[in-house]
N, C-alpha and C. Protein backbone atom coordinates (compact mmCIF):
# COMPACT_ATOMS: atom_id res chain seq x y z
N UNK A 1 -29.14 33.58 7.76
CA UNK A 1 -28.40 33.59 6.53
C UNK A 1 -28.57 32.29 5.78
N UNK A 2 -28.44 32.38 4.51
CA UNK A 2 -28.60 31.21 3.67
C UNK A 2 -27.29 30.43 3.59
N UNK A 3 -27.39 29.11 3.64
CA UNK A 3 -26.21 28.24 3.52
C UNK A 3 -25.83 28.01 2.07
N UNK A 4 -26.65 28.43 1.13
CA UNK A 4 -26.41 28.18 -0.29
C UNK A 4 -25.62 29.34 -0.88
N UNK A 5 -24.32 29.27 -0.84
CA UNK A 5 -23.45 30.32 -1.41
C UNK A 5 -23.14 29.93 -2.85
N UNK A 6 -23.88 30.48 -3.76
CA UNK A 6 -23.72 30.16 -5.17
C UNK A 6 -22.91 31.27 -5.83
N UNK A 7 -21.60 31.17 -5.74
CA UNK A 7 -20.72 32.19 -6.27
C UNK A 7 -20.59 32.13 -7.78
N UNK A 8 -20.71 30.94 -8.35
CA UNK A 8 -20.49 30.79 -9.78
C UNK A 8 -21.77 30.93 -10.60
N UNK A 9 -22.90 30.92 -9.97
CA UNK A 9 -24.16 31.07 -10.68
C UNK A 9 -24.56 29.83 -11.45
N UNK A 10 -24.27 28.63 -10.93
CA UNK A 10 -24.64 27.39 -11.59
C UNK A 10 -25.83 26.78 -10.87
N UNK A 11 -26.54 25.90 -11.58
CA UNK A 11 -27.69 25.27 -10.93
C UNK A 11 -27.22 24.19 -9.96
N UNK A 12 -28.14 23.65 -9.18
CA UNK A 12 -27.77 22.73 -8.10
C UNK A 12 -27.23 21.40 -8.65
N UNK A 13 -27.73 20.95 -9.80
CA UNK A 13 -27.24 19.69 -10.35
C UNK A 13 -25.79 19.82 -10.81
N UNK A 14 -25.43 20.91 -11.46
CA UNK A 14 -24.05 21.12 -11.88
C UNK A 14 -23.12 21.27 -10.68
N UNK A 15 -23.62 21.91 -9.66
CA UNK A 15 -22.81 22.06 -8.44
C UNK A 15 -22.58 20.69 -7.79
N UNK A 16 -23.61 19.84 -7.80
CA UNK A 16 -23.46 18.49 -7.25
C UNK A 16 -22.43 17.70 -8.05
N UNK A 17 -22.49 17.79 -9.37
CA UNK A 17 -21.50 17.11 -10.21
C UNK A 17 -20.08 17.62 -9.90
N UNK A 18 -19.94 18.90 -9.71
CA UNK A 18 -18.63 19.47 -9.38
C UNK A 18 -18.13 18.99 -8.03
N UNK A 19 -19.04 18.94 -7.05
CA UNK A 19 -18.64 18.47 -5.72
C UNK A 19 -18.20 17.00 -5.76
N UNK A 20 -18.94 16.18 -6.50
CA UNK A 20 -18.59 14.77 -6.62
C UNK A 20 -17.25 14.63 -7.33
N UNK A 21 -17.03 15.42 -8.37
CA UNK A 21 -15.75 15.36 -9.08
C UNK A 21 -14.59 15.72 -8.17
N UNK A 22 -14.76 16.77 -7.38
CA UNK A 22 -13.69 17.17 -6.45
C UNK A 22 -13.42 16.07 -5.44
N UNK A 23 -14.47 15.43 -4.91
CA UNK A 23 -14.26 14.36 -3.94
C UNK A 23 -13.57 13.15 -4.58
N UNK A 24 -13.92 12.84 -5.83
CA UNK A 24 -13.27 11.73 -6.52
C UNK A 24 -11.80 12.03 -6.78
N UNK A 25 -11.49 13.26 -7.16
CA UNK A 25 -10.10 13.63 -7.39
C UNK A 25 -9.31 13.62 -6.08
N UNK A 26 -9.95 14.02 -5.00
CA UNK A 26 -9.30 13.98 -3.69
C UNK A 26 -8.96 12.54 -3.30
N UNK A 27 -9.90 11.61 -3.51
CA UNK A 27 -9.65 10.20 -3.22
C UNK A 27 -8.56 9.63 -4.10
N UNK A 28 -8.54 10.03 -5.37
CA UNK A 28 -7.48 9.56 -6.28
C UNK A 28 -6.13 10.10 -5.82
N UNK A 29 -6.10 11.30 -5.31
CA UNK A 29 -4.85 11.86 -4.78
C UNK A 29 -4.35 11.09 -3.58
N UNK A 30 -5.27 10.72 -2.69
CA UNK A 30 -4.89 9.91 -1.53
C UNK A 30 -4.35 8.55 -1.97
N UNK A 31 -4.99 7.94 -2.96
CA UNK A 31 -4.52 6.65 -3.46
C UNK A 31 -3.14 6.78 -4.10
N UNK A 32 -2.92 7.88 -4.81
CA UNK A 32 -1.60 8.12 -5.41
C UNK A 32 -0.52 8.25 -4.34
N UNK A 33 -0.82 8.98 -3.29
CA UNK A 33 0.15 9.14 -2.20
C UNK A 33 0.44 7.80 -1.54
N UNK A 34 -0.60 6.99 -1.31
CA UNK A 34 -0.39 5.68 -0.69
C UNK A 34 0.46 4.79 -1.59
N UNK A 35 0.22 4.80 -2.90
CA UNK A 35 1.01 3.98 -3.82
C UNK A 35 2.46 4.46 -3.88
N UNK A 36 2.67 5.77 -3.86
CA UNK A 36 4.04 6.30 -3.90
C UNK A 36 4.80 5.95 -2.62
N UNK A 37 4.13 6.01 -1.48
CA UNK A 37 4.78 5.64 -0.22
C UNK A 37 5.15 4.16 -0.23
N UNK A 38 4.24 3.31 -0.72
CA UNK A 38 4.54 1.89 -0.80
C UNK A 38 5.70 1.64 -1.76
N UNK A 39 5.71 2.31 -2.90
CA UNK A 39 6.81 2.16 -3.86
C UNK A 39 8.13 2.60 -3.23
N UNK A 40 8.11 3.70 -2.48
CA UNK A 40 9.32 4.20 -1.85
C UNK A 40 9.85 3.20 -0.82
N UNK A 41 8.97 2.61 -0.03
CA UNK A 41 9.39 1.63 0.98
C UNK A 41 10.02 0.41 0.30
N UNK A 42 9.40 -0.06 -0.78
CA UNK A 42 9.96 -1.21 -1.50
C UNK A 42 11.31 -0.85 -2.11
N UNK A 43 11.44 0.37 -2.65
CA UNK A 43 12.70 0.80 -3.23
C UNK A 43 13.80 0.88 -2.17
N UNK A 44 13.47 1.32 -0.97
CA UNK A 44 14.45 1.39 0.11
C UNK A 44 14.90 -0.02 0.51
N UNK A 45 13.96 -0.96 0.59
CA UNK A 45 14.33 -2.33 0.95
C UNK A 45 15.22 -2.94 -0.13
N UNK A 46 14.91 -2.69 -1.39
CA UNK A 46 15.75 -3.18 -2.48
C UNK A 46 17.13 -2.53 -2.43
N UNK A 47 17.18 -1.24 -2.12
CA UNK A 47 18.46 -0.54 -2.02
C UNK A 47 19.33 -1.09 -0.91
N UNK A 48 18.71 -1.39 0.21
CA UNK A 48 19.46 -1.98 1.32
C UNK A 48 19.98 -3.36 0.93
N UNK A 49 19.15 -4.14 0.23
CA UNK A 49 19.58 -5.47 -0.21
C UNK A 49 20.74 -5.41 -1.19
N UNK A 50 20.74 -4.42 -2.07
CA UNK A 50 21.83 -4.29 -3.03
C UNK A 50 23.10 -3.74 -2.39
N UNK A 51 22.96 -3.03 -1.26
CA UNK A 51 24.13 -2.48 -0.58
C UNK A 51 24.87 -3.53 0.24
N UNK A 52 24.23 -4.66 0.50
CA UNK A 52 24.89 -5.72 1.27
C UNK A 52 26.00 -6.36 0.44
N UNK A 53 27.03 -6.87 1.10
CA UNK A 53 28.09 -7.56 0.36
C UNK A 53 27.58 -8.84 -0.31
N UNK A 54 28.28 -9.26 -1.35
CA UNK A 54 27.85 -10.42 -2.13
C UNK A 54 27.84 -11.70 -1.29
N UNK A 55 28.76 -11.82 -0.35
CA UNK A 55 28.81 -13.03 0.48
C UNK A 55 27.56 -13.17 1.34
N UNK A 56 27.04 -12.07 1.83
CA UNK A 56 25.85 -12.17 2.67
C UNK A 56 24.61 -12.50 1.86
N UNK A 57 24.63 -12.20 0.58
CA UNK A 57 23.47 -12.54 -0.26
C UNK A 57 23.42 -14.03 -0.56
N UNK A 58 24.57 -14.68 -0.65
CA UNK A 58 24.63 -16.09 -1.00
C UNK A 58 24.66 -17.01 0.23
N UNK A 59 24.73 -16.45 1.43
CA UNK A 59 24.82 -17.25 2.64
C UNK A 59 23.48 -17.94 2.90
N UNK A 60 23.52 -19.12 3.51
CA UNK A 60 22.26 -19.80 3.85
C UNK A 60 21.53 -19.07 4.97
N UNK A 61 20.26 -19.31 5.06
CA UNK A 61 19.43 -18.68 6.08
C UNK A 61 19.87 -19.16 7.47
N UNK A 62 20.11 -18.24 8.42
CA UNK A 62 20.56 -18.68 9.73
C UNK A 62 19.48 -19.43 10.51
N UNK A 63 18.23 -19.14 10.24
CA UNK A 63 17.13 -19.85 10.89
C UNK A 63 16.38 -20.59 9.79
N UNK A 64 16.82 -21.79 9.52
CA UNK A 64 16.26 -22.55 8.41
C UNK A 64 15.07 -23.35 8.90
N UNK A 65 13.91 -22.73 8.87
CA UNK A 65 12.69 -23.41 9.32
C UNK A 65 12.22 -24.45 8.32
N UNK A 66 12.67 -24.34 7.09
CA UNK A 66 12.22 -25.30 6.09
C UNK A 66 12.87 -26.67 6.28
N UNK A 67 13.91 -26.77 7.10
CA UNK A 67 14.56 -28.06 7.31
C UNK A 67 13.90 -28.85 8.43
N UNK A 68 12.91 -28.28 9.09
CA UNK A 68 12.22 -29.00 10.14
C UNK A 68 11.39 -30.12 9.52
N UNK A 69 11.47 -31.28 10.11
CA UNK A 69 10.72 -32.41 9.59
C UNK A 69 9.73 -32.89 10.64
N UNK A 70 8.52 -33.12 10.21
CA UNK A 70 7.51 -33.66 11.10
C UNK A 70 7.49 -35.18 10.93
N UNK A 71 7.43 -35.86 12.05
CA UNK A 71 7.33 -37.30 11.98
C UNK A 71 5.85 -37.68 12.01
N UNK A 72 5.56 -38.85 11.52
CA UNK A 72 4.17 -39.29 11.41
C UNK A 72 3.54 -39.40 12.80
N UNK A 73 4.31 -39.69 13.82
CA UNK A 73 3.77 -39.82 15.17
C UNK A 73 3.41 -38.48 15.76
N UNK A 74 3.91 -37.39 15.21
CA UNK A 74 3.61 -36.06 15.72
C UNK A 74 2.24 -35.56 15.27
N UNK A 75 1.69 -36.14 14.23
CA UNK A 75 0.41 -35.69 13.67
C UNK A 75 -0.71 -36.42 14.41
N UNK A 76 -1.61 -35.63 14.96
CA UNK A 76 -2.74 -36.23 15.69
C UNK A 76 -3.83 -36.59 14.69
N UNK A 77 -4.32 -37.79 14.80
CA UNK A 77 -5.41 -38.24 13.93
C UNK A 77 -6.68 -38.23 14.76
N UNK A 78 -7.65 -37.49 14.27
CA UNK A 78 -8.91 -37.36 15.04
C UNK A 78 -9.84 -38.52 14.77
């Protein structure tokens, strides 16, 4: 049996263009789904942040790594 099922009666170049178009639209659909999932995750994180009480938003960070100070003797000079 022949693998060339030409149901629409188009030439091979038009069929190739159609196949490429379908694959590009499929990839664009996947990208759209990925962007929507990322947007949804960010929206959920923002929603959780807004649901917290005001006092917890203004509280200092419990693990303040930015207050660590390096002394000059701690830096190794090669």
